Amino acid sequence: MFSFFDRLFSEERTKDQTARDFGIKESQWLQRAVRKDELDSPSGYSEEEVSQAVVHTREDLVLIVSQLQRTNIILRWIRFLLAILLITLWVKF
C-alpha cells in the first residue's frame, strides 16, 4: 500500500514537471520567434519611436500589475467568504 501512494505521488510530480517544462519551452519558442522577426525586418527605429515604445511598455506594465493586485484582492475576499460559508454550514449541520 505504501508503494501505491509513492507511485501515485511520483506520477503527479512528473505531470507537474512536464507542464512546467512545456510552459518554459513554449515561452522560449515565442521569444525566438520574436527575435527572428526582428532580424528579418530590415527597418530601423528612430530615437523618438524607441522612447515612445519604452513609455508605452512601462504604462502597460503598470496596468498589468494594477490588474493583478486587484485580482489578488478579489481572490482574498472570495477565500474569506468561502471560509465563512463553510464555517456557517459546519455549525448548522
PDB file of N, CA and C in Angstrom:
ATOM      1  N   MET A   1       0.829  -1.192   0.000  1.00  0.00           N
ATOM      2  CA  MET A   1       0.000   0.000   0.000  1.00  0.00           C
ATOM      3  C   MET A   1       0.869   1.250   0.000  1.00  0.00           C
ATOM      4  N   PHE A   2       1.961   1.215   0.698  1.00  0.00           N
ATOM      5  CA  PHE A   2       2.855   2.372   0.731  1.00  0.00           C
ATOM      6  C   PHE A   2       3.420   2.661  -0.656  1.00  0.00           C
ATOM      7  N   SER A   3       3.750   1.604  -1.398  1.00  0.00           N
ATOM      8  CA  SER A   3       4.304   1.800  -2.739  1.00  0.00           C
ATOM      9  C   SER A   3       3.262   2.397  -3.681  1.00  0.00           C
ATOM     10  N   PHE A   4       1.971   2.084  -3.458  1.00  0.00           N
ATOM     11  CA  PHE A   4       0.912   2.668  -4.285  1.00  0.00           C
ATOM     12  C   PHE A   4       0.910   4.185  -4.150  1.00  0.00           C
ATOM     13  N   PHE A   5       0.986   4.678  -2.929  1.00  0.00           N
ATOM     14  CA  PHE A   5       0.994   6.128  -2.719  1.00  0.00           C
ATOM     15  C   PHE A   5       2.262   6.770  -3.266  1.00  0.00           C
ATOM     16  N   ASP A   6       3.385   6.076  -3.109  1.00  0.00           N
ATOM     17  CA  ASP A   6       4.627   6.596  -3.684  1.00  0.00           C
ATOM     18  C   ASP A   6       4.514   6.728  -5.190  1.00  0.00           C
ATOM     19  N   ARG A   7       3.970   5.712  -5.818  1.00  0.00           N
ATOM     20  CA  ARG A   7       3.817   5.732  -7.270  1.00  0.00           C
ATOM     21  C   ARG A   7       2.822   6.805  -7.694  1.00  0.00           C
ATOM     22  N   LEU A   8       1.733   6.958  -6.950  1.00  0.00           N
ATOM     23  CA  LEU A   8       0.720   7.959  -7.268  1.00  0.00           C
ATOM     24  C   LEU A   8       1.304   9.365  -7.181  1.00  0.00           C
ATOM     25  N   PHE A   9       2.012   9.648  -6.101  1.00  0.00           N
ATOM     26  CA  PHE A   9       2.578  10.980  -5.931  1.00  0.00           C
ATOM     27  C   PHE A   9       3.716  11.241  -6.908  1.00  0.00           C
ATOM     28  N   SER A  10       4.500  10.216  -7.248  1.00  0.00           N
ATOM     29  CA  SER A  10       5.582  10.423  -8.215  1.00  0.00           C
ATOM     30  C   SER A  10       5.007  10.717  -9.592  1.00  0.00           C
ATOM     31  N   GLU A  11       3.861  10.089  -9.949  1.00  0.00           N
ATOM     32  CA  GLU A  11       3.213  10.395 -11.225  1.00  0.00           C
ATOM     33  C   GLU A  11       2.713  11.834 -11.245  1.00  0.00           C
ATOM     34  N   GLU A  12       2.164  12.308 -10.133  1.00  0.00           N
ATOM     35  CA  GLU A  12       1.694  13.692 -10.060  1.00  0.00           C
ATOM     36  C   GLU A  12       2.855  14.664 -10.200  1.00  0.00           C
ATOM     37  N   ARG A  13       3.973  14.377  -9.538  1.00  0.00           N
ATOM     38  CA  ARG A  13       5.148  15.242  -9.660  1.00  0.00           C
ATOM     39  C   ARG A  13       5.638  15.270 -11.101  1.00  0.00           C
ATOM     40  N   THR A  14       5.602  14.125 -11.784  1.00  0.00           N
ATOM     41  CA  THR A  14       6.031  14.059 -13.180  1.00  0.00           C
ATOM     42  C   THR A  14       5.118  14.900 -14.060  1.00  0.00           C
ATOM     43  N   LYS A  15       3.805  14.846 -13.819  1.00  0.00           N
ATOM     44  CA  LYS A  15       2.868  15.648 -14.604  1.00  0.00           C
ATOM     45  C   LYS A  15       3.116  17.140 -14.376  1.00  0.00           C
ATOM     46  N   ASP A  16       3.324  17.524 -13.125  1.00  0.00           N
ATOM     47  CA  ASP A  16       3.594  18.934 -12.820  1.00  0.00           C
ATOM     48  C   ASP A  16       4.867  19.405 -13.509  1.00  0.00           C
ATOM     49  N   GLN A  17       5.920  18.587 -13.461  1.00  0.00           N
ATOM     50  CA  GLN A  17       7.183  18.953 -14.086  1.00  0.00           C
ATOM     51  C   GLN A  17       7.020  19.069 -15.593  1.00  0.00           C
ATOM     52  N   THR A  18       6.254  18.168 -16.200  1.00  0.00           N
ATOM     53  CA  THR A  18       6.026  18.213 -17.639  1.00  0.00           C
ATOM     54  C   THR A  18       5.294  19.485 -18.023  1.00  0.00           C
ATOM     55  N   ALA A  19       4.305  19.865 -17.240  1.00  0.00           N
ATOM     56  CA  ALA A  19       3.554  21.095 -17.523  1.00  0.00           C
ATOM     57  C   ALA A  19       4.460  22.321 -17.410  1.00  0.00           C
ATOM     58  N   ARG A  20       5.310  22.348 -16.393  1.00  0.00           N
ATOM     59  CA  ARG A  20       6.236  23.472 -16.252  1.00  0.00           C
ATOM     60  C   ARG A  20       7.223  23.510 -17.409  1.00  0.00           C
ATOM     61  N   ASP A  21       7.747  22.344 -17.803  1.00  0.00           N
ATOM     62  CA  ASP A  21       8.684  22.296 -18.918  1.00  0.00           C
ATOM     63  C   ASP A  21       8.026  22.771 -20.196  1.00  0.00           C
ATOM     64  N   PHE A  22       6.771  22.380 -20.424  1.00  0.00           N
ATOM     65  CA  PHE A  22       6.070  22.813 -21.629  1.00  0.00           C
ATOM     66  C   PHE A  22       5.906  24.324 -21.639  1.00  0.00           C
ATOM     67  N   GLY A  23       5.566  24.916 -20.496  1.00  0.00           N
ATOM     68  CA  GLY A  23       5.423  26.364 -20.422  1.00  0.00           C
ATOM     69  C   GLY A  23       6.725  27.081 -20.709  1.00  0.00           C
ATOM     70  N   ILE A  24       7.825  26.541 -20.205  1.00  0.00           N
ATOM     71  CA  ILE A  24       9.136  27.143 -20.443  1.00  0.00           C
ATOM     72  C   ILE A  24       9.503  27.008 -21.914  1.00  0.00           C
ATOM     73  N   LYS A  25       9.289  25.836 -22.482  1.00  0.00           N
ATOM     74  CA  LYS A  25       9.628  25.622 -23.881  1.00  0.00           C
ATOM     75  C   LYS A  25       8.779  26.514 -24.789  1.00  0.00           C
ATOM     76  N   GLU A  26       7.509  26.652 -24.466  1.00  0.00           N
ATOM     77  CA  GLU A  26       6.634  27.497 -25.266  1.00  0.00           C
ATOM     78  C   GLU A  26       7.079  28.958 -25.208  1.00  0.00           C
ATOM     79  N   SER A  27       7.435  29.438 -24.032  1.00  0.00           N
ATOM     80  CA  SER A  27       7.877  30.824 -23.916  1.00  0.00           C
ATOM     81  C   SER A  27       9.210  31.033 -24.631  1.00  0.00           C
ATOM     82  N   GLN A  28      10.102  30.048 -24.578  1.00  0.00           N
ATOM     83  CA  GLN A  28      11.362  30.158 -25.313  1.00  0.00           C
ATOM     84  C   GLN A  28      11.107  30.191 -26.815  1.00  0.00           C
ATOM     85  N   TRP A  29      10.174  29.380 -27.280  1.00  0.00           N
ATOM     86  CA  TRP A  29       9.844  29.373 -28.693  1.00  0.00           C
ATOM     87  C   TRP A  29       9.284  30.722 -29.124  1.00  0.00           C
ATOM     88  N   LEU A  30       8.389  31.292 -28.313  1.00  0.00           N
ATOM     89  CA  LEU A  30       7.824  32.604 -28.643  1.00  0.00           C
ATOM     90  C   LEU A  30       8.906  33.680 -28.661  1.00  0.00           C
ATOM     91  N   GLN A  31       9.820  33.618 -27.715  1.00  0.00           N
ATOM     92  CA  GLN A  31      10.906  34.597 -27.663  1.00  0.00           C
ATOM     93  C   GLN A  31      11.786  34.481 -28.908  1.00  0.00           C
ATOM     94  N   ARG A  32      12.102  33.283 -29.309  1.00  0.00           N
ATOM     95  CA  ARG A  32      12.911  33.091 -30.512  1.00  0.00           C
ATOM     96  C   ARG A  32      12.180  33.572 -31.758  1.00  0.00           C
ATOM     97  N   ALA A  33      10.864  33.360 -31.821  1.00  0.00           N
ATOM     98  CA  ALA A  33      10.092  33.817 -32.974  1.00  0.00           C
ATOM     99  C   ALA A  33      10.116  35.342 -33.077  1.00  0.00           C
ATOM    100  N   VAL A  34      10.015  36.018 -31.945  1.00  0.00           N
ATOM    101  CA  VAL A  34      10.068  37.482 -31.950  1.00  0.00           C
ATOM    102  C   VAL A  34      11.441  37.956 -32.397  1.00  0.00           C
ATOM    103  N   ARG A  35      12.489  37.328 -31.879  1.00  0.00           N
ATOM    104  CA  ARG A  35      13.846  37.716 -32.279  1.00  0.00           C
ATOM    105  C   ARG A  35      14.073  37.487 -33.772  1.00  0.00           C
ATOM    106  N   LYS A  36      13.563  36.371 -34.292  1.00  0.00           N
ATOM    107  CA  LYS A  36      13.710  36.077 -35.716  1.00  0.00           C
ATOM    108  C   LYS A  36      12.991  37.127 -36.552  1.00  0.00           C
ATOM    109  N   ASP A  37      11.786  37.506 -36.155  1.00  0.00           N
ATOM    110  CA  ASP A  37      11.055  38.541 -36.874  1.00  0.00           C
ATOM    111  C   ASP A  37      11.808  39.862 -36.869  1.00  0.00           C
ATOM    112  N   GLU A  38      12.422  40.186 -35.743  1.00  0.00           N
ATOM    113  CA  GLU A  38      13.187  41.434 -35.660  1.00  0.00           C
ATOM    114  C   GLU A  38      14.402  41.399 -36.571  1.00  0.00           C
ATOM    115  N   LEU A  39      15.065  40.245 -36.647  1.00  0.00           N
ATOM    116  CA  LEU A  39      16.238  40.130 -37.515  1.00  0.00           C
ATOM    117  C   LEU A  39      15.851  40.142 -38.993  1.00  0.00           C
ATOM    118  N   ASP A  40      14.674  39.594 -39.315  1.00  0.00           N
ATOM    119  CA  ASP A  40      14.232  39.543 -40.701  1.00  0.00           C
ATOM    120  C   ASP A  40      13.779  40.899 -41.227  1.00  0.00           C
ATOM    121  N   SER A  41      13.301  41.760 -40.353  1.00  0.00           N
ATOM    122  CA  SER A  41      12.836  43.069 -40.823  1.00  0.00           C
ATOM    123  C   SER A  41      14.009  44.049 -40.836  1.00  0.00           C
ATOM    124  N   PRO A  42      14.322  44.617 -41.993  1.00  0.00           N
ATOM    125  CA  PRO A  42      15.491  45.489 -42.102  1.00  0.00           C
ATOM    126  C   PRO A  42      15.256  46.905 -41.585  1.00  0.00           C
ATOM    127  N   SER A  43      14.043  47.233 -41.189  1.00  0.00           N
ATOM    128  CA  SER A  43      13.763  48.608 -40.774  1.00  0.00           C
ATOM    129  C   SER A  43      14.398  48.923 -39.423  1.00  0.00           C
ATOM    130  N   GLY A  44      14.832  50.167 -39.297  1.00  0.00           N
ATOM    131  CA  GLY A  44      15.394  50.631 -38.039  1.00  0.00           C
ATOM    132  C   GLY A  44      14.386  51.532 -37.346  1.00  0.00           C
ATOM    133  N   TYR A  45      14.656  51.869 -36.136  1.00  0.00           N
ATOM    134  CA  TYR A  45      13.744  52.707 -35.369  1.00  0.00           C
ATOM    135  C   TYR A  45      14.455  54.000 -34.995  1.00  0.00           C
ATOM    136  N   SER A  46      13.715  55.078 -35.019  1.00  0.00           N
ATOM    137  CA  SER A  46      14.284  56.356 -34.617  1.00  0.00           C
ATOM    138  C   SER A  46      14.297  56.437 -33.094  1.00  0.00           C
ATOM    139  N   GLU A  47      15.049  57.387 -32.568  1.00  0.00           N
ATOM    140  CA  GLU A  47      15.120  57.576 -31.115  1.00  0.00           C
ATOM    141  C   GLU A  47      13.744  57.900 -30.537  1.00  0.00           C
ATOM    142  N   GLU A  48      12.979  58.670 -31.255  1.00  0.00           N
ATOM    143  CA  GLU A  48      11.638  59.048 -30.777  1.00  0.00           C
ATOM    144  C   GLU A  48      10.727  57.824 -30.699  1.00  0.00           C
ATOM    145  N   GLU A  49      10.797  56.950 -31.697  1.00  0.00           N
ATOM    146  CA  GLU A  49       9.974  55.739 -31.678  1.00  0.00           C
ATOM    147  C   GLU A  49      10.385  54.816 -30.528  1.00  0.00           C
ATOM    148  N   VAL A  50      11.665  54.719 -30.292  1.00  0.00           N
ATOM    149  CA  VAL A  50      12.153  53.873 -29.198  1.00  0.00           C
ATOM    150  C   VAL A  50      11.697  54.435 -27.859  1.00  0.00           C
ATOM    151  N   SER A  51      11.827  55.749 -27.675  1.00  0.00           N
ATOM    152  CA  SER A  51      11.392  56.372 -26.418  1.00  0.00           C
ATOM    153  C   SER A  51       9.898  56.189 -26.205  1.00  0.00           C
ATOM    154  N   GLN A  52       9.136  56.352 -27.273  1.00  0.00           N
ATOM    155  CA  GLN A  52       7.682  56.186 -27.172  1.00  0.00           C
ATOM    156  C   GLN A  52       7.328  54.724 -26.841  1.00  0.00           C
ATOM    157  N   ALA A  53       8.041  53.775 -27.435  1.00  0.00           N
ATOM    158  CA  ALA A  53       7.789  52.361 -27.155  1.00  0.00           C
ATOM    159  C   ALA A  53       8.109  52.021 -25.701  1.00  0.00           C
ATOM    160  N   VAL A  54       9.177  52.594 -25.168  1.00  0.00           N
ATOM    161  CA  VAL A  54       9.549  52.360 -23.765  1.00  0.00           C
ATOM    162  C   VAL A  54       8.468  52.904 -22.845  1.00  0.00           C
ATOM    163  N   VAL A  55       7.971  54.109 -23.138  1.00  0.00           N
ATOM    164  CA  VAL A  55       6.919  54.707 -22.313  1.00  0.00           C
ATOM    165  C   VAL A  55       5.658  53.849 -22.358  1.00  0.00           C
ATOM    166  N   HIS A  56       5.274  53.414 -23.556  1.00  0.00           N
ATOM    167  CA  HIS A  56       4.070  52.579 -23.674  1.00  0.00           C
ATOM    168  C   HIS A  56       4.240  51.240 -22.956  1.00  0.00           C
ATOM    169  N   THR A  57       5.419  50.693 -23.018  1.00  0.00           N
ATOM    170  CA  THR A  57       5.675  49.427 -22.328  1.00  0.00           C
ATOM    171  C   THR A  57       5.571  49.600 -20.816  1.00  0.00           C
ATOM    172  N   ARG A  58       6.132  50.675 -20.298  1.00  0.00           N
ATOM    173  CA  ARG A  58       6.030  50.940 -18.858  1.00  0.00           C
ATOM    174  C   ARG A  58       4.573  51.139 -18.444  1.00  0.00           C
ATOM    175  N   GLU A  59       3.814  51.868 -19.268  1.00  0.00           N
ATOM    176  CA  GLU A  59       2.392  52.081 -18.966  1.00  0.00           C
ATOM    177  C   GLU A  59       1.653  50.745 -18.950  1.00  0.00           C
ATOM    178  N   ASP A  60       1.943  49.889 -19.929  1.00  0.00           N
ATOM    179  CA  ASP A  60       1.289  48.580 -19.984  1.00  0.00           C
ATOM    180  C   ASP A  60       1.633  47.735 -18.760  1.00  0.00           C
ATOM    181  N   LEU A  61       2.890  47.767 -18.345  1.00  0.00           N
ATOM    182  CA  LEU A  61       3.289  47.005 -17.158  1.00  0.00           C
ATOM    183  C   LEU A  61       2.590  47.509 -15.904  1.00  0.00           C
ATOM    184  N   VAL A  62       2.441  48.818 -15.788  1.00  0.00           N
ATOM    185  CA  VAL A  62       1.732  49.383 -14.636  1.00  0.00           C
ATOM    186  C   VAL A  62       0.282  48.911 -14.634  1.00  0.00           C
ATOM    187  N   LEU A  63      -0.350  48.895 -15.805  1.00  0.00           N
ATOM    188  CA  LEU A  63      -1.731  48.427 -15.888  1.00  0.00           C
ATOM    189  C   LEU A  63      -1.852  46.947 -15.541  1.00  0.00           C
ATOM    190  N   ILE A  64      -0.911  46.146 -16.007  1.00  0.00           N
ATOM    191  CA  ILE A  64      -0.949  44.717 -15.707  1.00  0.00           C
ATOM    192  C   ILE A  64      -0.779  44.475 -14.213  1.00  0.00           C
ATOM    193  N   VAL A  65       0.185  45.146 -13.602  1.00  0.00           N
ATOM    194  CA  VAL A  65       0.403  44.986 -12.161  1.00  0.00           C
ATOM    195  C   VAL A  65      -0.819  45.443 -11.377  1.00  0.00           C
ATOM    196  N   SER A  66      -1.423  46.536 -11.808  1.00  0.00           N
ATOM    197  CA  SER A  66      -2.621  47.033 -11.145  1.00  0.00           C
ATOM    198  C   SER A  66      -3.759  46.013 -11.228  1.00  0.00           C
ATOM    199  N   GLN A  67      -3.939  45.435 -12.409  1.00  0.00           N
ATOM    200  CA  GLN A  67      -4.987  44.420 -12.569  1.00  0.00           C
ATOM    201  C   GLN A  67      -4.702  43.191 -11.714  1.00  0.00           C
ATOM    202  N   LEU A  68      -3.447  42.775 -11.646  1.00  0.00           N
ATOM    203  CA  LEU A  68      -3.096  41.616 -10.828  1.00  0.00           C
ATOM    204  C   LEU A  68      -3.322  41.885  -9.344  1.00  0.00           C
ATOM    205  N   GLN A  69      -3.008  43.096  -8.896  1.00  0.00           N
ATOM    206  CA  GLN A  69      -3.247  43.441  -7.497  1.00  0.00           C
ATOM    207  C   GLN A  69      -4.740  43.418  -7.194  1.00  0.00           C
ATOM    208  N   ARG A  70      -5.543  43.963  -8.092  1.00  0.00           N
ATOM    209  CA  ARG A  70      -6.993  43.982  -7.888  1.00  0.00           C
ATOM    210  C   ARG A  70      -7.541  42.555  -7.872  1.00  0.00           C
ATOM    211  N   THR A  71      -7.049  41.724  -8.784  1.00  0.00           N
ATOM    212  CA  THR A  71      -7.483  40.326  -8.824  1.00  0.00           C
ATOM    213  C   THR A  71      -7.093  39.609  -7.537  1.00  0.00           C
ATOM    214  N   ASN A  72      -5.919  39.890  -7.021  1.00  0.00           N
ATOM    215  CA  ASN A  72      -5.470  39.285  -5.775  1.00  0.00           C
ATOM    216  C   ASN A  72      -6.385  39.674  -4.614  1.00  0.00           C
ATOM    217  N   ILE A  73      -6.790  40.936  -4.567  1.00  0.00           N
ATOM    218  CA  ILE A  73      -7.704  41.395  -3.516  1.00  0.00           C
ATOM    219  C   ILE A  73      -9.039  40.679  -3.622  1.00  0.00           C
ATOM    220  N   ILE A  74      -9.552  40.562  -4.842  1.00  0.00           N
ATOM    221  CA  ILE A  74     -10.836  39.883  -5.047  1.00  0.00           C
ATOM    222  C   ILE A  74     -10.733  38.421  -4.637  1.00  0.00           C
ATOM    223  N   LEU A  75      -9.645  37.756  -4.980  1.00  0.00           N
ATOM    224  CA  LEU A  75      -9.472  36.355  -4.596  1.00  0.00           C
ATOM    225  C   LEU A  75      -9.377  36.184  -3.088  1.00  0.00           C
ATOM    226  N   ARG A  76      -8.754  37.125  -2.408  1.00  0.00           N
ATOM    227  CA  ARG A  76      -8.701  37.064  -0.936  1.00  0.00           C
ATOM    228  C   ARG A  76     -10.100  37.165  -0.351  1.00  0.00           C
ATOM    229  N   TRP A  77     -10.915  38.081  -0.881  1.00  0.00           N
ATOM    230  CA  TRP A  77     -12.290  38.213  -0.400  1.00  0.00           C
ATOM    231  C   TRP A  77     -13.086  36.944  -0.668  1.00  0.00           C
ATOM    232  N   ILE A  78     -12.898  36.344  -1.832  1.00  0.00           N
ATOM    233  CA  ILE A  78     -13.604  35.097  -2.141  1.00  0.00           C
ATOM    234  C   ILE A  78     -13.201  34.006  -1.155  1.00  0.00           C
ATOM    235  N   ARG A  79     -11.911  33.899  -0.869  1.00  0.00           N
ATOM    236  CA  ARG A  79     -11.445  32.896   0.087  1.00  0.00           C
ATOM    237  C   ARG A  79     -12.029  33.150   1.476  1.00  0.00           C
ATOM    238  N   PHE A  80     -12.059  34.419   1.873  1.00  0.00           N
ATOM    239  CA  PHE A  80     -12.616  34.780   3.181  1.00  0.00           C
ATOM    240  C   PHE A  80     -14.100  34.432   3.247  1.00  0.00           C
ATOM    241  N   LEU A  81     -14.861  34.779   2.206  1.00  0.00           N
ATOM    242  CA  LEU A  81     -16.299  34.498   2.195  1.00  0.00           C
ATOM    243  C   LEU A  81     -16.583  33.002   2.138  1.00  0.00           C
ATOM    244  N   LEU A  82     -15.761  32.254   1.410  1.00  0.00           N
ATOM    245  CA  LEU A  82     -15.930  30.803   1.391  1.00  0.00           C
ATOM    246  C   LEU A  82     -15.645  30.192   2.759  1.00  0.00           C
ATOM    247  N   ALA A  83     -14.668  30.719   3.454  1.00  0.00           N
ATOM    248  CA  ALA A  83     -14.376  30.224   4.806  1.00  0.00           C
ATOM    249  C   ALA A  83     -15.560  30.496   5.729  1.00  0.00           C
ATOM    250  N   ILE A  84     -16.136  31.679   5.632  1.00  0.00           N
ATOM    251  CA  ILE A  84     -17.313  31.997   6.463  1.00  0.00           C
ATOM    252  C   ILE A  84     -18.469  31.073   6.104  1.00  0.00           C
ATOM    253  N   LEU A  85     -18.677  30.837   4.815  1.00  0.00           N
ATOM    254  CA  LEU A  85     -19.752  29.948   4.379  1.00  0.00           C
ATOM    255  C   LEU A  85     -19.537  28.534   4.901  1.00  0.00           C
ATOM    256  N   LEU A  86     -18.317  28.033   4.822  1.00  0.00           N
ATOM    257  CA  LEU A  86     -18.036  26.685   5.309  1.00  0.00           C
ATOM    258  C   LEU A  86     -18.223  26.580   6.814  1.00  0.00           C
ATOM    259  N   ILE A  87     -17.793  27.582   7.540  1.00  0.00           N
ATOM    260  CA  ILE A  87     -17.982  27.575   8.999  1.00  0.00           C
ATOM    261  C   ILE A  87     -19.465  27.610   9.334  1.00  0.00           C
ATOM    262  N   THR A  88     -20.226  28.436   8.617  1.00  0.00           N
ATOM    263  CA  THR A  88     -21.664  28.525   8.851  1.00  0.00           C
ATOM    264  C   THR A  88     -22.341  27.188   8.568  1.00  0.00           C
ATOM    265  N   LEU A  89     -21.981  26.558   7.448  1.00  0.00           N
ATOM    266  CA  LEU A  89     -22.572  25.262   7.128  1.00  0.00           C
ATOM    267  C   LEU A  89     -22.161  24.205   8.132  1.00  0.00           C
ATOM    268  N   TRP A  90     -20.934  24.250   8.596  1.00  0.00           N
ATOM    269  CA  TRP A  90     -20.465  23.279   9.575  1.00  0.00           C
ATOM    270  C   TRP A  90     -21.217  23.415  10.892  1.00  0.00           C
ATOM    271  N   VAL A  91     -21.482  24.650  11.311  1.00  0.00           N
ATOM    272  CA  VAL A  91     -22.192  24.890  12.561  1.00  0.00           C
ATOM    273  C   VAL A  91     -23.653  24.471  12.432  1.00  0.00           C
ATOM    274  N   LYS A  92     -24.269  24.749  11.291  1.00  0.00           N
ATOM    275  CA  LYS A  92     -25.698  24.425  11.092  1.00  0.00           C
ATOM    276  C   LYS A  92     -25.931  22.918  11.001  1.00  0.00           C
ATOM    277  N   PHE A  93     -24.999  22.222  10.392  1.00  0.00           N
ATOM    278  CA  PHE A  93     -25.214  20.787  10.181  1.00  0.00           C
ATOM    279  C   PHE A  93     -24.270  20.043  11.049  1.00  0.00           C
TER     280      PHE A  93
END
